[in-house]
Amino acid sequence: MVTLEVSGMVCDGCAKAVTRAIEAHDPSAKVVVARDAGRVTADTALSPEAAAAAVSEAGYEAKPLSP
C-alpha cells in the first residue's frame, strides 16, 4: 500500500488524471483519491517513489508519506 501527498488536485478531472497516471504503470492498481485532503492511496506493486514519479509526470507535485 502506497500513500502519497499530492498538490494541485482541484477537480474530479485531476483525481482521474492521477488515477490514470498510477494505473498506466500498474494496470492492476487500486487507487483511492481523497482530493480535499490532498492524499492518494494505492494498492499497487509500485514503490512509493515510483508512484510519486508517475503522478509527477502527470503534472502534479507528489511525495510519498511515511507509514
Protein backbone atom coordinates (compact mmCIF):
# COMPACT_ATOMS: atom_id res chain seq x y z
CA MET A 1 0.00 0.00 0.00
CA VAL A 2 1.33 3.41 -1.01
CA THR A 3 0.14 6.75 0.32
CA LEU A 4 1.10 9.99 -1.41
CA GLU A 5 0.63 13.64 -0.63
CA VAL A 6 -0.41 15.29 -3.90
CA SER A 7 -0.67 19.03 -4.59
CA GLY A 8 -2.70 20.61 -7.35
CA MET A 9 -5.74 18.33 -7.47
CA VAL A 10 -8.61 20.79 -7.71
CA CYS A 11 -11.32 18.88 -9.59
CA ASP A 12 -12.61 15.41 -10.40
CA GLY A 13 -10.66 15.53 -13.66
CA CYS A 14 -7.46 15.95 -11.65
CA ALA A 15 -8.35 12.95 -9.50
CA LYS A 16 -8.96 10.87 -12.62
CA ALA A 17 -5.66 12.01 -14.14
CA VAL A 18 -3.77 10.96 -11.01
CA THR A 19 -5.54 7.60 -11.01
CA ARG A 20 -4.72 7.04 -14.69
CA ALA A 21 -1.08 8.00 -14.08
CA ILE A 22 -0.64 5.26 -11.49
CA GLU A 23 -2.68 2.72 -13.46
CA ALA A 24 -0.52 3.41 -16.55
CA HIS A 25 2.45 1.98 -14.64
CA ASP A 26 0.48 -0.71 -12.77
CA PRO A 27 -2.80 -1.61 -14.53
CA SER A 28 -3.94 -3.73 -11.57
CA ALA A 29 -3.53 -0.90 -9.04
CA LYS A 30 -6.50 0.05 -6.89
CA VAL A 31 -6.34 3.82 -6.41
CA VAL A 32 -8.34 5.91 -3.95
CA VAL A 33 -8.10 9.70 -4.20
CA ALA A 34 -9.03 11.98 -1.31
CA ARG A 35 -8.91 15.20 -3.32
CA ASP A 36 -9.84 17.56 -0.48
CA ALA A 37 -7.18 16.05 1.77
CA GLY A 38 -4.56 16.01 -0.99
CA ARG A 39 -3.95 12.30 -0.47
CA VAL A 40 -3.79 9.32 -2.78
CA THR A 41 -3.72 5.75 -1.52
CA ALA A 42 -2.90 2.95 -3.92
CA ASP A 43 -2.77 -0.80 -3.53
CA THR A 44 -0.03 -1.23 -6.09
CA ALA A 45 3.14 -3.13 -6.88
CA LEU A 46 4.88 0.22 -7.45
CA SER A 47 7.28 1.54 -4.86
CA PRO A 48 6.23 4.78 -3.17
CA GLU A 49 8.88 6.62 -5.14
CA ALA A 50 7.73 5.15 -8.46
CA ALA A 51 4.10 6.01 -7.73
CA ALA A 52 5.09 9.59 -6.84
CA ALA A 53 7.14 9.84 -10.04
CA ALA A 54 4.18 8.64 -12.12
CA VAL A 55 1.92 11.28 -10.56
CA SER A 56 4.61 13.95 -11.03
CA GLU A 57 4.88 13.02 -14.72
CA ALA A 58 1.14 13.77 -14.97
CA GLY A 59 1.81 17.31 -13.77
CA TYR A 60 1.12 17.15 -10.04
CA GLU A 61 3.55 17.57 -7.16
CA ALA A 62 3.62 14.28 -5.29
CA LYS A 63 5.65 12.85 -2.46
CA PRO A 64 5.38 9.58 -0.53
CA LEU A 65 4.15 9.79 3.04
CA SER A 66 5.95 7.81 5.69
CA PRO A 67 3.96 4.91 7.12
